[in-house]
PDB file of N, CA and C in Angstrom:
ATOM      1  N   MET A   1      23.021   2.253   3.909  1.00  0.00           N
ATOM      2  CA  MET A   1      22.059   2.015   2.854  1.00  0.00           C
ATOM      3  C   MET A   1      20.679   2.464   3.344  1.00  0.00           C
ATOM      4  N   CYS A   2      19.915   3.041   2.446  1.00  0.00           N
ATOM      5  CA  CYS A   2      18.595   3.558   2.794  1.00  0.00           C
ATOM      6  C   CYS A   2      17.574   3.066   1.771  1.00  0.00           C
ATOM      7  N   LEU A   3      16.436   2.616   2.239  1.00  0.00           N
ATOM      8  CA  LEU A   3      15.349   2.190   1.376  1.00  0.00           C
ATOM      9  C   LEU A   3      14.474   3.405   1.073  1.00  0.00           C
ATOM     10  N   HIS A   4      14.251   3.690  -0.204  1.00  0.00           N
ATOM     11  CA  HIS A   4      13.451   4.864  -0.571  1.00  0.00           C
ATOM     12  C   HIS A   4      12.041   4.509  -1.009  1.00  0.00           C
ATOM     13  N   HIS A   5      11.850   3.355  -1.631  1.00  0.00           N
ATOM     14  CA  HIS A   5      10.529   3.002  -2.147  1.00  0.00           C
ATOM     15  C   HIS A   5      10.380   1.488  -2.124  1.00  0.00           C
ATOM     16  N   PHE A   6       9.168   1.045  -1.817  1.00  0.00           N
ATOM     17  CA  PHE A   6       8.878  -0.381  -1.906  1.00  0.00           C
ATOM     18  C   PHE A   6       7.428  -0.561  -2.310  1.00  0.00           C
ATOM     19  N   ALA A   7       7.115  -1.725  -2.839  1.00  0.00           N
ATOM     20  CA  ALA A   7       5.738  -2.077  -3.199  1.00  0.00           C
ATOM     21  C   ALA A   7       5.489  -3.510  -2.759  1.00  0.00           C
ATOM     22  N   LEU A   8       4.318  -3.746  -2.211  1.00  0.00           N
ATOM     23  CA  LEU A   8       3.912  -5.073  -1.774  1.00  0.00           C
ATOM     24  C   LEU A   8       2.628  -5.448  -2.482  1.00  0.00           C
ATOM     25  N   ARG A   9       2.544  -6.660  -2.940  1.00  0.00           N
ATOM     26  CA  ARG A   9       1.296  -7.152  -3.516  1.00  0.00           C
ATOM     27  C   ARG A   9       0.606  -7.976  -2.442  1.00  0.00           C
ATOM     28  N   ALA A  10      -0.636  -7.642  -2.155  1.00  0.00           N
ATOM     29  CA  ALA A  10      -1.338  -8.264  -1.039  1.00  0.00           C
ATOM     30  C   ALA A  10      -2.766  -8.624  -1.407  1.00  0.00           C
ATOM     31  N   GLU A  11      -3.246  -9.696  -0.808  1.00  0.00           N
ATOM     32  CA  GLU A  11      -4.621 -10.114  -1.046  1.00  0.00           C
ATOM     33  C   GLU A  11      -5.610  -9.204  -0.311  1.00  0.00           C
ATOM     34  N   HIS A  12      -5.255  -8.795   0.890  1.00  0.00           N
ATOM     35  CA  HIS A  12      -6.136  -7.951   1.699  1.00  0.00           C
ATOM     36  C   HIS A  12      -5.514  -6.558   1.803  1.00  0.00           C
ATOM     37  N   LEU A  13      -5.816  -5.730   0.850  1.00  0.00           N
ATOM     38  CA  LEU A  13      -5.202  -4.417   0.687  1.00  0.00           C
ATOM     39  C   LEU A  13      -5.350  -3.538   1.925  1.00  0.00           C
ATOM     40  N   GLU A  14      -6.543  -3.372   2.409  1.00  0.00           N
ATOM     41  CA  GLU A  14      -6.800  -2.467   3.534  1.00  0.00           C
ATOM     42  C   GLU A  14      -6.168  -2.964   4.831  1.00  0.00           C
ATOM     43  N   GLU A  15      -6.170  -4.277   5.056  1.00  0.00           N
ATOM     44  CA  GLU A  15      -5.583  -4.824   6.277  1.00  0.00           C
ATOM     45  C   GLU A  15      -4.070  -4.625   6.291  1.00  0.00           C
ATOM     46  N   HIS A  16      -3.421  -4.806   5.152  1.00  0.00           N
ATOM     47  CA  HIS A  16      -1.982  -4.597   5.077  1.00  0.00           C
ATOM     48  C   HIS A  16      -1.630  -3.114   5.277  1.00  0.00           C
ATOM     49  N   ARG A  17      -2.402  -2.252   4.676  1.00  0.00           N
ATOM     50  CA  ARG A  17      -2.143  -0.824   4.835  1.00  0.00           C
ATOM     51  C   ARG A  17      -2.297  -0.417   6.301  1.00  0.00           C
ATOM     52  N   ALA A  18      -3.326  -0.912   6.947  1.00  0.00           N
ATOM     53  CA  ALA A  18      -3.554  -0.602   8.363  1.00  0.00           C
ATOM     54  C   ALA A  18      -2.410  -1.135   9.230  1.00  0.00           C
ATOM     55  N   PHE A  19      -1.882  -2.304   8.913  1.00  0.00           N
ATOM     56  CA  PHE A  19      -0.769  -2.874   9.671  1.00  0.00           C
ATOM     57  C   PHE A  19       0.439  -1.939   9.643  1.00  0.00           C
ATOM     58  N   TYR A  20       0.837  -1.479   8.469  1.00  0.00           N
ATOM     59  CA  TYR A  20       2.001  -0.605   8.363  1.00  0.00           C
ATOM     60  C   TYR A  20       1.751   0.759   9.015  1.00  0.00           C
ATOM     61  N   ALA A  21       0.539   1.238   8.945  1.00  0.00           N
ATOM     62  CA  ALA A  21       0.218   2.514   9.596  1.00  0.00           C
ATOM     63  C   ALA A  21       0.242   2.367  11.111  1.00  0.00           C
ATOM     64  N   ASP A  22      -0.322   1.302  11.632  1.00  0.00           N
ATOM     65  CA  ASP A  22      -0.416   1.107  13.079  1.00  0.00           C
ATOM     66  C   ASP A  22       0.924   0.746  13.722  1.00  0.00           C
ATOM     67  N   TYR A  23       1.674  -0.146  13.097  1.00  0.00           N
ATOM     68  CA  TYR A  23       2.890  -0.658  13.729  1.00  0.00           C
ATOM     69  C   TYR A  23       4.161   0.088  13.348  1.00  0.00           C
ATOM     70  N   PHE A  24       4.168   0.780  12.215  1.00  0.00           N
ATOM     71  CA  PHE A  24       5.361   1.495  11.786  1.00  0.00           C
ATOM     72  C   PHE A  24       5.145   2.998  11.645  1.00  0.00           C
ATOM     73  N   GLY A  25       3.957   3.472  11.986  1.00  0.00           N
ATOM     74  CA  GLY A  25       3.671   4.901  11.975  1.00  0.00           C
ATOM     75  C   GLY A  25       3.590   5.522  10.597  1.00  0.00           C
ATOM     76  N   ALA A  26       3.241   4.754   9.594  1.00  0.00           N
ATOM     77  CA  ALA A  26       3.149   5.277   8.233  1.00  0.00           C
ATOM     78  C   ALA A  26       1.897   6.128   8.059  1.00  0.00           C
ATOM     79  N   ALA A  27       2.046   7.213   7.315  1.00  0.00           N
ATOM     80  CA  ALA A  27       0.882   8.039   6.961  1.00  0.00           C
ATOM     81  C   ALA A  27       0.181   7.369   5.782  1.00  0.00           C
ATOM     82  N   ARG A  28      -1.128   7.309   5.857  1.00  0.00           N
ATOM     83  CA  ARG A  28      -1.918   6.619   4.832  1.00  0.00           C
ATOM     84  C   ARG A  28      -2.309   7.572   3.720  1.00  0.00           C
ATOM     85  N   GLY A  29      -2.141   7.124   2.490  1.00  0.00           N
ATOM     86  CA  GLY A  29      -2.531   7.918   1.331  1.00  0.00           C
ATOM     87  C   GLY A  29      -3.855   7.450   0.760  1.00  0.00           C
ATOM     88  N   ALA A  30      -4.292   8.116  -0.269  1.00  0.00           N
ATOM     89  CA  ALA A  30      -5.567   7.807  -0.905  1.00  0.00           C
ATOM     90  C   ALA A  30      -5.487   6.522  -1.731  1.00  0.00           C
ATOM     91  N   LYS A  31      -6.643   5.934  -1.984  1.00  0.00           N
ATOM     92  CA  LYS A  31      -6.729   4.722  -2.803  1.00  0.00           C
ATOM     93  C   LYS A  31      -6.701   5.120  -4.272  1.00  0.00           C
ATOM     94  N   HIS A  32      -5.910   4.392  -5.044  1.00  0.00           N
ATOM     95  CA  HIS A  32      -5.830   4.614  -6.486  1.00  0.00           C
ATOM     96  C   HIS A  32      -6.255   3.322  -7.168  1.00  0.00           C
ATOM     97  N   VAL A  33      -7.213   3.396  -8.086  1.00  0.00           N
ATOM     98  CA  VAL A  33      -7.703   2.215  -8.797  1.00  0.00           C
ATOM     99  C   VAL A  33      -7.343   2.333 -10.268  1.00  0.00           C
ATOM    100  N   ASN A  34      -6.704   1.297 -10.791  1.00  0.00           N
ATOM    101  CA  ASN A  34      -6.400   1.196 -12.213  1.00  0.00           C
ATOM    102  C   ASN A  34      -7.354   0.157 -12.787  1.00  0.00           C
ATOM    103  N   ALA A  35      -8.480   0.610 -13.315  1.00  0.00           N
ATOM    104  CA  ALA A  35      -9.515  -0.290 -13.813  1.00  0.00           C
ATOM    105  C   ALA A  35      -9.040  -1.113 -15.008  1.00  0.00           C
ATOM    106  N   ALA A  36      -8.173  -0.544 -15.816  1.00  0.00           N
ATOM    107  CA  ALA A  36      -7.678  -1.257 -16.999  1.00  0.00           C
ATOM    108  C   ALA A  36      -6.886  -2.503 -16.613  1.00  0.00           C
ATOM    109  N   LYS A  37      -6.158  -2.437 -15.519  1.00  0.00           N
ATOM    110  CA  LYS A  37      -5.354  -3.578 -15.074  1.00  0.00           C
ATOM    111  C   LYS A  37      -6.009  -4.360 -13.952  1.00  0.00           C
ATOM    112  N   GLY A  38      -7.113  -3.857 -13.435  1.00  0.00           N
ATOM    113  CA  GLY A  38      -7.812  -4.544 -12.359  1.00  0.00           C
ATOM    114  C   GLY A  38      -7.043  -4.546 -11.047  1.00  0.00           C
ATOM    115  N   LEU A  39      -6.339  -3.452 -10.778  1.00  0.00           N
ATOM    116  CA  LEU A  39      -5.555  -3.343  -9.554  1.00  0.00           C
ATOM    117  C   LEU A  39      -5.884  -2.053  -8.808  1.00  0.00           C
ATOM    118  N   ALA A  40      -5.678  -2.102  -7.509  1.00  0.00           N
ATOM    119  CA  ALA A  40      -5.808  -0.913  -6.668  1.00  0.00           C
ATOM    120  C   ALA A  40      -4.546  -0.805  -5.837  1.00  0.00           C
ATOM    121  N   SER A  41      -4.215   0.403  -5.421  1.00  0.00           N
ATOM    122  CA  SER A  41      -3.050   0.585  -4.556  1.00  0.00           C
ATOM    123  C   SER A  41      -3.367   1.619  -3.488  1.00  0.00           C
ATOM    124  N   ARG A  42      -2.678   1.468  -2.375  1.00  0.00           N
ATOM    125  CA  ARG A  42      -2.768   2.410  -1.261  1.00  0.00           C
ATOM    126  C   ARG A  42      -1.347   2.807  -0.907  1.00  0.00           C
ATOM    127  N   SER A  43      -1.108   4.098  -0.803  1.00  0.00           N
ATOM    128  CA  SER A  43       0.250   4.568  -0.527  1.00  0.00           C
ATOM    129  C   SER A  43       0.504   4.687   0.968  1.00  0.00           C
ATOM    130  N   LEU A  44       1.785   4.593   1.315  1.00  0.00           N
ATOM    131  CA  LEU A  44       2.256   4.717   2.687  1.00  0.00           C
ATOM    132  C   LEU A  44       3.484   5.616   2.683  1.00  0.00           C
ATOM    133  N   ARG A  45       3.558   6.552   3.613  1.00  0.00           N
ATOM    134  CA  ARG A  45       4.744   7.405   3.719  1.00  0.00           C
ATOM    135  C   ARG A  45       5.233   7.345   5.158  1.00  0.00           C
ATOM    136  N   PHE A  46       6.522   7.060   5.283  1.00  0.00           N
ATOM    137  CA  PHE A  46       7.142   6.911   6.592  1.00  0.00           C
ATOM    138  C   PHE A  46       7.914   8.169   6.937  1.00  0.00           C
ATOM    139  N   GLY A  47       8.152   8.399   8.222  1.00  0.00           N
ATOM    140  CA  GLY A  47       8.797   9.609   8.707  1.00  0.00           C
ATOM    141  C   GLY A  47      10.205   9.828   8.197  1.00  0.00           C
ATOM    142  N   ASP A  48      10.913   8.763   7.841  1.00  0.00           N
ATOM    143  CA  ASP A  48      12.292   8.897   7.376  1.00  0.00           C
ATOM    144  C   ASP A  48      12.388   9.177   5.882  1.00  0.00           C
ATOM    145  N   GLY A  49      11.251   9.401   5.224  1.00  0.00           N
ATOM    146  CA  GLY A  49      11.244   9.711   3.804  1.00  0.00           C
ATOM    147  C   GLY A  49      10.953   8.529   2.900  1.00  0.00           C
ATOM    148  N   CYS A  50      10.850   7.348   3.473  1.00  0.00           N
ATOM    149  CA  CYS A  50      10.545   6.162   2.675  1.00  0.00           C
ATOM    150  C   CYS A  50       9.083   6.202   2.229  1.00  0.00           C
ATOM    151  N   PHE A  51       8.846   5.781   0.994  1.00  0.00           N
ATOM    152  CA  PHE A  51       7.507   5.741   0.422  1.00  0.00           C
ATOM    153  C   PHE A  51       7.238   4.315  -0.019  1.00  0.00           C
ATOM    154  N   GLY A  52       6.052   3.829   0.256  1.00  0.00           N
ATOM    155  CA  GLY A  52       5.691   2.484  -0.167  1.00  0.00           C
ATOM    156  C   GLY A  52       4.258   2.434  -0.628  1.00  0.00           C
ATOM    157  N   CYS A  53       3.905   1.327  -1.243  1.00  0.00           N
ATOM    158  CA  CYS A  53       2.514   1.137  -1.615  1.00  0.00           C
ATOM    159  C   CYS A  53       2.162  -0.335  -1.508  1.00  0.00           C
ATOM    160  N   VAL A  54       0.910  -0.575  -1.205  1.00  0.00           N
ATOM    161  CA  VAL A  54       0.358  -1.919  -1.150  1.00  0.00           C
ATOM    162  C   VAL A  54      -0.569  -2.031  -2.347  1.00  0.00           C
ATOM    163  N   VAL A  55      -0.369  -3.073  -3.139  1.00  0.00           N
ATOM    164  CA  VAL A  55      -1.114  -3.260  -4.386  1.00  0.00           C
ATOM    165  C   VAL A  55      -1.923  -4.546  -4.296  1.00  0.00           C
ATOM    166  N   GLY A  56      -3.151  -4.506  -4.797  1.00  0.00           N
ATOM    167  CA  GLY A  56      -3.988  -5.701  -4.784  1.00  0.00           C
ATOM    168  C   GLY A  56      -5.245  -5.502  -5.600  1.00  0.00           C
ATOM    169  N   ASP A  57      -6.144  -6.450  -5.469  1.00  0.00           N
ATOM    170  CA  ASP A  57      -7.432  -6.400  -6.162  1.00  0.00           C
ATOM    171  C   ASP A  57      -8.294  -5.285  -5.571  1.00  0.00           C
ATOM    172  N   PRO A  58      -8.956  -4.482  -6.400  1.00  0.00           N
ATOM    173  CA  PRO A  58      -9.783  -3.382  -5.885  1.00  0.00           C
ATOM    174  C   PRO A  58     -10.885  -3.829  -4.927  1.00  0.00           C
ATOM    175  N   ASP A  59     -11.406  -5.043  -5.135  1.00  0.00           N
ATOM    176  CA  ASP A  59     -12.482  -5.542  -4.288  1.00  0.00           C
ATOM    177  C   ASP A  59     -11.975  -6.422  -3.153  1.00  0.00           C
ATOM    178  N   GLY A  60     -10.677  -6.697  -3.124  1.00  0.00           N
ATOM    179  CA  GLY A  60     -10.105  -7.545  -2.082  1.00  0.00           C
ATOM    180  C   GLY A  60     -10.402  -9.015  -2.250  1.00  0.00           C
ATOM    181  N   ASN A  61     -10.800  -9.439  -3.448  1.00  0.00           N
ATOM    182  CA  ASN A  61     -11.175 -10.824  -3.657  1.00  0.00           C
ATOM    183  C   ASN A  61     -10.031 -11.723  -4.104  1.00  0.00           C
ATOM    184  N   ARG A  62      -9.114 -11.168  -4.855  1.00  0.00           N
ATOM    185  CA  ARG A  62      -8.021 -11.976  -5.403  1.00  0.00           C
ATOM    186  C   ARG A  62      -6.799 -11.116  -5.630  1.00  0.00           C
ATOM    187  N   VAL A  63      -5.690 -11.764  -5.913  1.00  0.00           N
ATOM    188  CA  VAL A  63      -4.460 -11.037  -6.239  1.00  0.00           C
ATOM    189  C   VAL A  63      -4.129 -11.329  -7.680  1.00  0.00           C
TER     190      VAL A  63
END
């Protein structure tokens, strides 16, 4: 079985993204902000082809 995509909802968007990049070697993608829904996301791409994203508040104040 292989995991191809995952999404995590996090209160501290940048800290979670940095954790996966530092400890699992994920390449960091650009920040995407959806103002209509009040959410931001940061993408992560792993060497085995898995893609993930961390989703949270654009300002890091709430989830």
